[in-house]
Amino acid sequence: MLSRESCPRWVYLVYNIERIYYGAYKSRGVKENLVAIRTIWKELGFIKPSDEICQNVGKLKASLEKKGDVMDDADMFIAACALVNDATLVTNEMKSTSDELKD
């Protein structure tokens, strides 16, 4: 179950909230996890979309297309947010994007 103690230093991208709710609805404790999400919602830090983030998403998408690669738009957005905010991205779902976004 989610708790404030399990994620005290996490900064969430607004885009990620959908995934958190998705996980809650797939869990065994749907009601409890929905309550937990609503309880800690106000205490979490959020990264909001910016021009720099959107520019990096466009750059990444174009670069990947040129190579014949594809990546989910949500994952590109999350990667760009992490890079722009100098945050660490922990995932099992995507390749490294840092080289794609270097000038």
PDB file of N, CA and C in Angstrom:
ATOM      1  N   MET A   1       0.838  -1.188   0.000  1.00  0.00           N
ATOM      2  CA  MET A   1       0.000   0.000   0.000  1.00  0.00           C
ATOM      3  C   MET A   1       0.875   1.239   0.000  1.00  0.00           C
ATOM      4  N   LEU A   2       0.436   2.280  -0.678  1.00  0.00           N
ATOM      5  CA  LEU A   2       1.163   3.536  -0.703  1.00  0.00           C
ATOM      6  C   LEU A   2       1.096   4.220   0.656  1.00  0.00           C
ATOM      7  N   SER A   3       2.175   4.858   1.002  1.00  0.00           N
ATOM      8  CA  SER A   3       2.171   5.649   2.229  1.00  0.00           C
ATOM      9  C   SER A   3       3.133   6.808   2.062  1.00  0.00           C
ATOM     10  N   ARG A   4       2.988   7.793   2.910  1.00  0.00           N
ATOM     11  CA  ARG A   4       3.879   8.945   2.857  1.00  0.00           C
ATOM     12  C   ARG A   4       5.311   8.501   3.108  1.00  0.00           C
ATOM     13  N   GLU A   5       5.500   7.524   3.957  1.00  0.00           N
ATOM     14  CA  GLU A   5       6.841   7.040   4.276  1.00  0.00           C
ATOM     15  C   GLU A   5       7.475   6.314   3.099  1.00  0.00           C
ATOM     16  N   SER A   6       6.672   5.721   2.222  1.00  0.00           N
ATOM     17  CA  SER A   6       7.228   4.974   1.105  1.00  0.00           C
ATOM     18  C   SER A   6       7.695   5.873  -0.026  1.00  0.00           C
ATOM     19  N   CYS A   7       7.337   7.133  -0.020  1.00  0.00           N
ATOM     20  CA  CYS A   7       7.759   8.034  -1.091  1.00  0.00           C
ATOM     21  C   CYS A   7       7.985   9.455  -0.574  1.00  0.00           C
ATOM     22  N   PRO A   8       8.827   9.641   0.433  1.00  0.00           N
ATOM     23  CA  PRO A   8       8.993  10.965   1.017  1.00  0.00           C
ATOM     24  C   PRO A   8       9.720  11.971   0.148  1.00  0.00           C
ATOM     25  N   ARG A   9      10.568  11.528  -0.772  1.00  0.00           N
ATOM     26  CA  ARG A   9      11.359  12.465  -1.561  1.00  0.00           C
ATOM     27  C   ARG A   9      11.052  12.391  -3.047  1.00  0.00           C
ATOM     28  N   TRP A  10      10.017  11.744  -3.407  1.00  0.00           N
ATOM     29  CA  TRP A  10       9.697  11.612  -4.810  1.00  0.00           C
ATOM     30  C   TRP A  10       9.083  12.900  -5.328  1.00  0.00           C
ATOM     31  N   VAL A  11       9.419  13.235  -6.534  1.00  0.00           N
ATOM     32  CA  VAL A  11       8.781  14.356  -7.220  1.00  0.00           C
ATOM     33  C   VAL A  11       8.057  13.753  -8.412  1.00  0.00           C
ATOM     34  N   TYR A  12       6.806  14.014  -8.510  1.00  0.00           N
ATOM     35  CA  TYR A  12       6.002  13.393  -9.548  1.00  0.00           C
ATOM     36  C   TYR A  12       5.721  14.351 -10.684  1.00  0.00           C
ATOM     37  N   LEU A  13       5.743  13.822 -11.854  1.00  0.00           N
ATOM     38  CA  LEU A  13       5.275  14.519 -13.031  1.00  0.00           C
ATOM     39  C   LEU A  13       3.768  14.317 -13.048  1.00  0.00           C
ATOM     40  N   VAL A  14       3.032  15.337 -13.353  1.00  0.00           N
ATOM     41  CA  VAL A  14       1.577  15.214 -13.369  1.00  0.00           C
ATOM     42  C   VAL A  14       1.163  14.031 -14.236  1.00  0.00           C
ATOM     43  N   TYR A  15       1.899  13.774 -15.291  1.00  0.00           N
ATOM     44  CA  TYR A  15       1.621  12.660 -16.192  1.00  0.00           C
ATOM     45  C   TYR A  15       1.666  11.314 -15.465  1.00  0.00           C
ATOM     46  N   ASN A  16       2.501  11.210 -14.451  1.00  0.00           N
ATOM     47  CA  ASN A  16       2.652   9.953 -13.715  1.00  0.00           C
ATOM     48  C   ASN A  16       1.447   9.612 -12.850  1.00  0.00           C
ATOM     49  N   ILE A  17       0.665  10.587 -12.498  1.00  0.00           N
ATOM     50  CA  ILE A  17      -0.453  10.345 -11.589  1.00  0.00           C
ATOM     51  C   ILE A  17      -1.420   9.325 -12.184  1.00  0.00           C
ATOM     52  N   GLU A  18      -1.621   9.376 -13.493  1.00  0.00           N
ATOM     53  CA  GLU A  18      -2.477   8.386 -14.149  1.00  0.00           C
ATOM     54  C   GLU A  18      -1.956   6.991 -13.882  1.00  0.00           C
ATOM     55  N   ARG A  19      -0.648   6.821 -13.942  1.00  0.00           N
ATOM     56  CA  ARG A  19      -0.054   5.507 -13.726  1.00  0.00           C
ATOM     57  C   ARG A  19      -0.203   5.060 -12.272  1.00  0.00           C
ATOM     58  N   ILE A  20      -0.170   6.002 -11.367  1.00  0.00           N
ATOM     59  CA  ILE A  20      -0.360   5.668  -9.951  1.00  0.00           C
ATOM     60  C   ILE A  20      -1.793   5.181  -9.723  1.00  0.00           C
ATOM     61  N   TYR A  21      -2.755   5.891 -10.298  1.00  0.00           N
ATOM     62  CA  TYR A  21      -4.144   5.449 -10.189  1.00  0.00           C
ATOM     63  C   TYR A  21      -4.354   4.098 -10.874  1.00  0.00           C
ATOM     64  N   TYR A  22      -3.730   3.911 -12.013  1.00  0.00           N
ATOM     65  CA  TYR A  22      -3.824   2.635 -12.727  1.00  0.00           C
ATOM     66  C   TYR A  22      -3.341   1.497 -11.827  1.00  0.00           C
ATOM     67  N   GLY A  23      -2.199   1.713 -11.183  1.00  0.00           N
ATOM     68  CA  GLY A  23      -1.677   0.695 -10.267  1.00  0.00           C
ATOM     69  C   GLY A  23      -2.618   0.424  -9.112  1.00  0.00           C
ATOM     70  N   ALA A  24      -3.227   1.472  -8.599  1.00  0.00           N
ATOM     71  CA  ALA A  24      -4.178   1.302  -7.492  1.00  0.00           C
ATOM     72  C   ALA A  24      -5.369   0.456  -7.921  1.00  0.00           C
ATOM     73  N   TYR A  25      -5.887   0.737  -9.116  1.00  0.00           N
ATOM     74  CA  TYR A  25      -7.055  -0.017  -9.593  1.00  0.00           C
ATOM     75  C   TYR A  25      -6.719  -1.459  -9.947  1.00  0.00           C
ATOM     76  N   LYS A  26      -5.457  -1.758 -10.203  1.00  0.00           N
ATOM     77  CA  LYS A  26      -5.043  -3.138 -10.476  1.00  0.00           C
ATOM     78  C   LYS A  26      -4.694  -3.895  -9.198  1.00  0.00           C
ATOM     79  N   SER A  27      -4.546  -3.186  -8.095  1.00  0.00           N
ATOM     80  CA  SER A  27      -4.085  -3.797  -6.854  1.00  0.00           C
ATOM     81  C   SER A  27      -5.191  -4.585  -6.154  1.00  0.00           C
ATOM     82  N   ARG A  28      -4.785  -5.330  -5.152  1.00  0.00           N
ATOM     83  CA  ARG A  28      -5.750  -6.076  -4.340  1.00  0.00           C
ATOM     84  C   ARG A  28      -6.499  -5.155  -3.389  1.00  0.00           C
ATOM     85  N   GLY A  29      -5.854  -4.059  -3.003  1.00  0.00           N
ATOM     86  CA  GLY A  29      -6.465  -3.130  -2.053  1.00  0.00           C
ATOM     87  C   GLY A  29      -6.855  -1.821  -2.717  1.00  0.00           C
ATOM     88  N   VAL A  30      -7.752  -1.898  -3.686  1.00  0.00           N
ATOM     89  CA  VAL A  30      -8.127  -0.722  -4.467  1.00  0.00           C
ATOM     90  C   VAL A  30      -8.590   0.417  -3.567  1.00  0.00           C
ATOM     91  N   LYS A  31      -9.556   0.170  -2.716  1.00  0.00           N
ATOM     92  CA  LYS A  31     -10.107   1.243  -1.872  1.00  0.00           C
ATOM     93  C   LYS A  31      -9.037   1.856  -0.981  1.00  0.00           C
ATOM     94  N   GLU A  32      -8.220   1.020  -0.368  1.00  0.00           N
ATOM     95  CA  GLU A  32      -7.175   1.509   0.534  1.00  0.00           C
ATOM     96  C   GLU A  32      -6.139   2.349  -0.230  1.00  0.00           C
ATOM     97  N   ASN A  33      -5.760   1.888  -1.424  1.00  0.00           N
ATOM     98  CA  ASN A  33      -4.768   2.622  -2.199  1.00  0.00           C
ATOM     99  C   ASN A  33      -5.328   3.943  -2.735  1.00  0.00           C
ATOM    100  N   LEU A  34      -6.596   3.979  -3.091  1.00  0.00           N
ATOM    101  CA  LEU A  34      -7.199   5.243  -3.525  1.00  0.00           C
ATOM    102  C   LEU A  34      -7.226   6.250  -2.375  1.00  0.00           C
ATOM    103  N   VAL A  35      -7.536   5.781  -1.192  1.00  0.00           N
ATOM    104  CA  VAL A  35      -7.512   6.663  -0.016  1.00  0.00           C
ATOM    105  C   VAL A  35      -6.087   7.171   0.222  1.00  0.00           C
ATOM    106  N   ALA A  36      -5.105   6.278   0.099  1.00  0.00           N
ATOM    107  CA  ALA A  36      -3.711   6.669   0.313  1.00  0.00           C
ATOM    108  C   ALA A  36      -3.266   7.700  -0.714  1.00  0.00           C
ATOM    109  N   ILE A  37      -3.638   7.518  -1.966  1.00  0.00           N
ATOM    110  CA  ILE A  37      -3.280   8.485  -3.013  1.00  0.00           C
ATOM    111  C   ILE A  37      -3.858   9.852  -2.669  1.00  0.00           C
ATOM    112  N   ARG A  38      -5.114   9.872  -2.313  1.00  0.00           N
ATOM    113  CA  ARG A  38      -5.754  11.151  -1.993  1.00  0.00           C
ATOM    114  C   ARG A  38      -5.157  11.787  -0.744  1.00  0.00           C
ATOM    115  N   THR A  39      -4.731  10.965   0.185  1.00  0.00           N
ATOM    116  CA  THR A  39      -4.153  11.471   1.430  1.00  0.00           C
ATOM    117  C   THR A  39      -2.807  12.140   1.200  1.00  0.00           C
ATOM    118  N   ILE A  40      -1.953  11.515   0.381  1.00  0.00           N
ATOM    119  CA  ILE A  40      -0.608  12.074   0.180  1.00  0.00           C
ATOM    120  C   ILE A  40      -0.532  13.028  -1.021  1.00  0.00           C
ATOM    121  N   TRP A  41      -1.615  13.144  -1.770  1.00  0.00           N
ATOM    122  CA  TRP A  41      -1.656  13.990  -2.967  1.00  0.00           C
ATOM    123  C   TRP A  41      -1.115  15.390  -2.710  1.00  0.00           C
ATOM    124  N   LYS A  42      -1.540  16.006  -1.652  1.00  0.00           N
ATOM    125  CA  LYS A  42      -1.163  17.386  -1.356  1.00  0.00           C
ATOM    126  C   LYS A  42       0.288  17.526  -0.897  1.00  0.00           C
ATOM    127  N   GLU A  43       0.884  16.446  -0.426  1.00  0.00           N
ATOM    128  CA  GLU A  43       2.246  16.510   0.093  1.00  0.00           C
ATOM    129  C   GLU A  43       3.312  16.236  -0.961  1.00  0.00           C
ATOM    130  N   LEU A  44       2.907  15.779  -2.127  1.00  0.00           N
ATOM    131  CA  LEU A  44       3.875  15.427  -3.162  1.00  0.00           C
ATOM    132  C   LEU A  44       4.285  16.663  -3.961  1.00  0.00           C
ATOM    133  N   GLY A  45       5.510  16.648  -4.455  1.00  0.00           N
ATOM    134  CA  GLY A  45       5.960  17.700  -5.354  1.00  0.00           C
ATOM    135  C   GLY A  45       5.679  17.278  -6.787  1.00  0.00           C
ATOM    136  N   PHE A  46       5.295  18.231  -7.627  1.00  0.00           N
ATOM    137  CA  PHE A  46       4.959  17.920  -9.008  1.00  0.00           C
ATOM    138  C   PHE A  46       5.806  18.735  -9.971  1.00  0.00           C
ATOM    139  N   ILE A  47       6.197  18.105 -11.058  1.00  0.00           N
ATOM    140  CA  ILE A  47       6.873  18.789 -12.153  1.00  0.00           C
ATOM    141  C   ILE A  47       5.800  19.093 -13.184  1.00  0.00           C
ATOM    142  N   LYS A  48       5.627  20.357 -13.486  1.00  0.00           N
ATOM    143  CA  LYS A  48       4.619  20.749 -14.462  1.00  0.00           C
ATOM    144  C   LYS A  48       5.270  20.897 -15.839  1.00  0.00           C
ATOM    145  N   PRO A  49       4.494  20.672 -16.904  1.00  0.00           N
ATOM    146  CA  PRO A  49       5.038  20.821 -18.257  1.00  0.00           C
ATOM    147  C   PRO A  49       5.578  22.230 -18.485  1.00  0.00           C
ATOM    148  N   SER A  50       6.654  22.319 -19.251  1.00  0.00           N
ATOM    149  CA  SER A  50       7.236  23.608 -19.607  1.00  0.00           C
ATOM    150  C   SER A  50       7.626  23.563 -21.073  1.00  0.00           C
ATOM    151  N   ASP A  51       7.945  24.725 -21.626  1.00  0.00           N
ATOM    152  CA  ASP A  51       8.385  24.782 -23.012  1.00  0.00           C
ATOM    153  C   ASP A  51       9.647  23.954 -23.209  1.00  0.00           C
ATOM    154  N   GLU A  52      10.576  24.028 -22.261  1.00  0.00           N
ATOM    155  CA  GLU A  52      11.833  23.280 -22.376  1.00  0.00           C
ATOM    156  C   GLU A  52      11.578  21.769 -22.384  1.00  0.00           C
ATOM    157  N   ILE A  53      10.667  21.327 -21.557  1.00  0.00           N
ATOM    158  CA  ILE A  53      10.334  19.901 -21.513  1.00  0.00           C
ATOM    159  C   ILE A  53       9.703  19.478 -22.837  1.00  0.00           C
ATOM    160  N   CYS A  54       8.745  20.258 -23.318  1.00  0.00           N
ATOM    161  CA  CYS A  54       8.074  19.922 -24.580  1.00  0.00           C
ATOM    162  C   CYS A  54       9.052  19.938 -25.749  1.00  0.00           C
ATOM    163  N   GLN A  55       9.974  20.881 -25.750  1.00  0.00           N
ATOM    164  CA  GLN A  55      10.991  20.946 -26.795  1.00  0.00           C
ATOM    165  C   GLN A  55      11.844  19.678 -26.786  1.00  0.00           C
ATOM    166  N   ASN A  56      12.217  19.220 -25.604  1.00  0.00           N
ATOM    167  CA  ASN A  56      13.020  18.002 -25.496  1.00  0.00           C
ATOM    168  C   ASN A  56      12.248  16.765 -25.935  1.00  0.00           C
ATOM    169  N   VAL A  57      10.959  16.727 -25.666  1.00  0.00           N
ATOM    170  CA  VAL A  57      10.142  15.607 -26.138  1.00  0.00           C
ATOM    171  C   VAL A  57      10.141  15.586 -27.665  1.00  0.00           C
ATOM    172  N   GLY A  58       9.942  16.746 -28.276  1.00  0.00           N
ATOM    173  CA  GLY A  58       9.953  16.826 -29.737  1.00  0.00           C
ATOM    174  C   GLY A  58      11.292  16.400 -30.324  1.00  0.00           C
ATOM    175  N   LYS A  59      12.373  16.851 -29.695  1.00  0.00           N
ATOM    176  CA  LYS A  59      13.721  16.503 -30.152  1.00  0.00           C
ATOM    177  C   LYS A  59      13.954  15.001 -30.038  1.00  0.00           C
ATOM    178  N   LEU A  60      13.576  14.416 -28.931  1.00  0.00           N
ATOM    179  CA  LEU A  60      13.751  12.986 -28.714  1.00  0.00           C
ATOM    180  C   LEU A  60      12.932  12.182 -29.711  1.00  0.00           C
ATOM    181  N   LYS A  61      11.687  12.564 -29.906  1.00  0.00           N
ATOM    182  CA  LYS A  61      10.809  11.834 -30.814  1.00  0.00           C
ATOM    183  C   LYS A  61      11.349  11.865 -32.241  1.00  0.00           C
ATOM    184  N   ALA A  62      11.805  13.037 -32.691  1.00  0.00           N
ATOM    185  CA  ALA A  62      12.359  13.163 -34.042  1.00  0.00           C
ATOM    186  C   ALA A  62      13.632  12.327 -34.193  1.00  0.00           C
ATOM    187  N   SER A  63      14.487  12.356 -33.179  1.00  0.00           N
ATOM    188  CA  SER A  63      15.730  11.597 -33.218  1.00  0.00           C
ATOM    189  C   SER A  63      15.465  10.097 -33.284  1.00  0.00           C
ATOM    190  N   LEU A  64      14.532   9.634 -32.482  1.00  0.00           N
ATOM    191  CA  LEU A  64      14.204   8.213 -32.483  1.00  0.00           C
ATOM    192  C   LEU A  64      13.577   7.778 -33.808  1.00  0.00           C
ATOM    193  N   GLU A  65      12.706   8.618 -34.356  1.00  0.00           N
ATOM    194  CA  GLU A  65      12.076   8.296 -35.638  1.00  0.00           C
ATOM    195  C   GLU A  65      13.112   8.151 -36.744  1.00  0.00           C
ATOM    196  N   LYS A  66      14.120   9.016 -36.747  1.00  0.00           N
ATOM    197  CA  LYS A  66      15.176   8.939 -37.756  1.00  0.00           C
ATOM    198  C   LYS A  66      15.917   7.610 -37.690  1.00  0.00           C
ATOM    199  N   LYS A  67      16.002   7.038 -36.510  1.00  0.00           N
ATOM    200  CA  LYS A  67      16.689   5.760 -36.314  1.00  0.00           C
ATOM    201  C   LYS A  67      15.752   4.571 -36.486  1.00  0.00           C
ATOM    202  N   GLY A  68      14.467   4.849 -36.693  1.00  0.00           N
ATOM    203  CA  GLY A  68      13.493   3.776 -36.822  1.00  0.00           C
ATOM    204  C   GLY A  68      13.043   3.212 -35.487  1.00  0.00           C
ATOM    205  N   ASP A  69      13.359   3.916 -34.402  1.00  0.00           N
ATOM    206  CA  ASP A  69      12.950   3.479 -33.066  1.00  0.00           C
ATOM    207  C   ASP A  69      11.649   4.163 -32.666  1.00  0.00           C
ATOM    208  N   VAL A  70      10.931   3.536 -31.779  1.00  0.00           N
ATOM    209  CA  VAL A  70       9.715   4.133 -31.232  1.00  0.00           C
ATOM    210  C   VAL A  70       9.752   4.041 -29.718  1.00  0.00           C
ATOM    211  N   MET A  71       9.111   4.990 -29.096  1.00  0.00           N
ATOM    212  CA  MET A  71       8.977   4.998 -27.645  1.00  0.00           C
ATOM    213  C   MET A  71       7.619   5.612 -27.340  1.00  0.00           C
ATOM    214  N   ASP A  72       6.980   5.110 -26.338  1.00  0.00           N
ATOM    215  CA  ASP A  72       5.698   5.647 -25.909  1.00  0.00           C
ATOM    216  C   ASP A  72       5.844   7.137 -25.592  1.00  0.00           C
ATOM    217  N   ASP A  73       4.887   7.944 -26.056  1.00  0.00           N
ATOM    218  CA  ASP A  73       4.949   9.387 -25.802  1.00  0.00           C
ATOM    219  C   ASP A  73       5.047   9.704 -24.318  1.00  0.00           C
ATOM    220  N   ALA A  74       4.323   8.961 -23.499  1.00  0.00           N
ATOM    221  CA  ALA A  74       4.367   9.210 -22.057  1.00  0.00           C
ATOM    222  C   ALA A  74       5.776   8.986 -21.516  1.00  0.00           C
ATOM    223  N   ASP A  75       6.445   7.936 -21.986  1.00  0.00           N
ATOM    224  CA  ASP A  75       7.801   7.667 -21.529  1.00  0.00           C
ATOM    225  C   ASP A  75       8.779   8.741 -21.990  1.00  0.00           C
ATOM    226  N   MET A  76       8.577   9.251 -23.212  1.00  0.00           N
ATOM    227  CA  MET A  76       9.434  10.347 -23.679  1.00  0.00           C
ATOM    228  C   MET A  76       9.232  11.590 -22.823  1.00  0.00           C
ATOM    229  N   PHE A  77       7.996  11.866 -22.478  1.00  0.00           N
ATOM    230  CA  PHE A  77       7.686  13.033 -21.657  1.00  0.00           C
ATOM    231  C   PHE A  77       8.321  12.907 -20.278  1.00  0.00           C
ATOM    232  N   ILE A  78       8.219  11.740 -19.705  1.00  0.00           N
ATOM    233  CA  ILE A  78       8.798  11.492 -18.379  1.00  0.00           C
ATOM    234  C   ILE A  78      10.316  11.612 -18.438  1.00  0.00           C
ATOM    235  N   ALA A  79      10.933  11.048 -19.481  1.00  0.00           N
ATOM    236  CA  ALA A  79      12.389  11.136 -19.633  1.00  0.00           C
ATOM    237  C   ALA A  79      12.836  12.591 -19.785  1.00  0.00           C
ATOM    238  N   ALA A  80      12.125  13.355 -20.590  1.00  0.00           N
ATOM    239  CA  ALA A  80      12.473  14.764 -20.787  1.00  0.00           C
ATOM    240  C   ALA A  80      12.334  15.549 -19.488  1.00  0.00           C
ATOM    241  N   CYS A  81      11.310  15.272 -18.722  1.00  0.00           N
ATOM    242  CA  CYS A  81      11.134  15.950 -17.434  1.00  0.00           C
ATOM    243  C   CYS A  81      12.292  15.648 -16.494  1.00  0.00           C
ATOM    244  N   ALA A  82      12.699  14.400 -16.457  1.00  0.00           N
ATOM    245  CA  ALA A  82      13.821  14.025 -15.592  1.00  0.00           C
ATOM    246  C   ALA A  82      15.097  14.722 -16.031  1.00  0.00           C
ATOM    247  N   LEU A  83      15.366  14.735 -17.332  1.00  0.00           N
ATOM    248  CA  LEU A  83      16.590  15.355 -17.829  1.00  0.00           C
ATOM    249  C   LEU A  83      16.601  16.866 -17.603  1.00  0.00           C
ATOM    250  N   VAL A  84      15.496  17.523 -17.900  1.00  0.00           N
ATOM    251  CA  VAL A  84      15.414  18.980 -17.732  1.00  0.00           C
ATOM    252  C   VAL A  84      15.561  19.372 -16.263  1.00  0.00           C
ATOM    253  N   ASN A  85      15.046  18.543 -15.370  1.00  0.00           N
ATOM    254  CA  ASN A  85      15.086  18.852 -13.942  1.00  0.00           C
ATOM    255  C   ASN A  85      16.251  18.188 -13.224  1.00  0.00           C
ATOM    256  N   ASP A  86      17.183  17.619 -13.987  1.00  0.00           N
ATOM    257  CA  ASP A  86      18.362  16.960 -13.433  1.00  0.00           C
ATOM    258  C   ASP A  86      17.975  15.947 -12.360  1.00  0.00           C
ATOM    259  N   ALA A  87      16.926  15.193 -12.668  1.00  0.00           N
ATOM    260  CA  ALA A  87      16.421  14.189 -11.737  1.00  0.00           C
ATOM    261  C   ALA A  87      16.856  12.802 -12.191  1.00  0.00           C
ATOM    262  N   THR A  88      16.879  11.872 -11.284  1.00  0.00           N
ATOM    263  CA  THR A  88      17.194  10.489 -11.609  1.00  0.00           C
ATOM    264  C   THR A  88      15.905   9.785 -12.003  1.00  0.00           C
ATOM    265  N   LEU A  89      15.948   9.104 -13.118  1.00  0.00           N
ATOM    266  CA  LEU A  89      14.798   8.358 -13.591  1.00  0.00           C
ATOM    267  C   LEU A  89      15.074   6.875 -13.370  1.00  0.00           C
ATOM    268  N   VAL A  90      14.198   6.218 -12.647  1.00  0.00           N
ATOM    269  CA  VAL A  90      14.334   4.794 -12.380  1.00  0.00           C
ATOM    270  C   VAL A  90      13.198   4.081 -13.105  1.00  0.00           C
ATOM    271  N   THR A  91      13.559   3.207 -14.044  1.00  0.00           N
ATOM    272  CA  THR A  91      12.545   2.514 -14.832  1.00  0.00           C
ATOM    273  C   THR A  91      13.115   1.238 -15.422  1.00  0.00           C
ATOM    274  N   ASN A  92      12.239   0.323 -15.764  1.00  0.00           N
ATOM    275  CA  ASN A  92      12.607  -0.877 -16.509  1.00  0.00           C
ATOM    276  C   ASN A  92      12.067  -0.810 -17.925  1.00  0.00           C
ATOM    277  N   GLU A  93      11.410   0.284 -18.277  1.00  0.00           N
ATOM    278  CA  GLU A  93      10.625   0.331 -19.501  1.00  0.00           C
ATOM    279  C   GLU A  93      11.284   1.004 -20.694  1.00  0.00           C
ATOM    280  N   MET A  94      12.447   1.617 -20.550  1.00  0.00           N
ATOM    281  CA  MET A  94      12.961   2.356 -21.693  1.00  0.00           C
ATOM    282  C   MET A  94      14.471   2.373 -21.761  1.00  0.00           C
ATOM    283  N   LYS A  95      14.968   2.639 -22.965  1.00  0.00           N
ATOM    284  CA  LYS A  95      16.398   2.768 -23.178  1.00  0.00           C
ATOM    285  C   LYS A  95      16.861   4.133 -22.690  1.00  0.00           C
ATOM    286  N   SER A  96      18.156   4.300 -22.596  1.00  0.00           N
ATOM    287  CA  SER A  96      18.714   5.591 -22.221  1.00  0.00           C
ATOM    288  C   SER A  96      18.362   6.626 -23.269  1.00  0.00           C
ATOM    289  N   THR A  97      17.923   7.799 -22.829  1.00  0.00           N
ATOM    290  CA  THR A  97      17.573   8.862 -23.765  1.00  0.00           C
ATOM    291  C   THR A  97      18.511  10.049 -23.649  1.00  0.00           C
ATOM    292  N   SER A  98      19.427  10.014 -22.714  1.00  0.00           N
ATOM    293  CA  SER A  98      20.263  11.179 -22.486  1.00  0.00           C
ATOM    294  C   SER A  98      21.092  11.545 -23.712  1.00  0.00           C
ATOM    295  N   ASP A  99      21.599  10.563 -24.450  1.00  0.00           N
ATOM    296  CA  ASP A  99      22.378  10.850 -25.650  1.00  0.00           C
ATOM    297  C   ASP A  99      21.518  11.481 -26.733  1.00  0.00           C
ATOM    298  N   GLU A 100      20.264  11.090 -26.803  1.00  0.00           N
ATOM    299  CA  GLU A 100      19.353  11.632 -27.813  1.00  0.00           C
ATOM    300  C   GLU A 100      19.064  13.113 -27.587  1.00  0.00           C
ATOM    301  N   LEU A 101      19.128  13.556 -26.342  1.00  0.00           N
ATOM    302  CA  LEU A 101      18.749  14.930 -26.034  1.00  0.00           C
ATOM    303  C   LEU A 101      19.938  15.889 -25.901  1.00  0.00           C
ATOM    304  N   LYS A 102      21.150  15.368 -26.033  1.00  0.00           N
ATOM    305  CA  LYS A 102      22.322  16.242 -25.957  1.00  0.00           C
ATOM    306  C   LYS A 102      22.369  17.137 -27.177  1.00  0.00           C
ATOM    307  N   ASP A 103      22.785  18.376 -26.988  1.00  0.00           N
ATOM    308  CA  ASP A 103      22.899  19.318 -28.122  1.00  0.00           C
ATOM    309  C   ASP A 103      24.065  18.976 -29.000  1.00  0.00           C
TER     310      ASP A 103
END
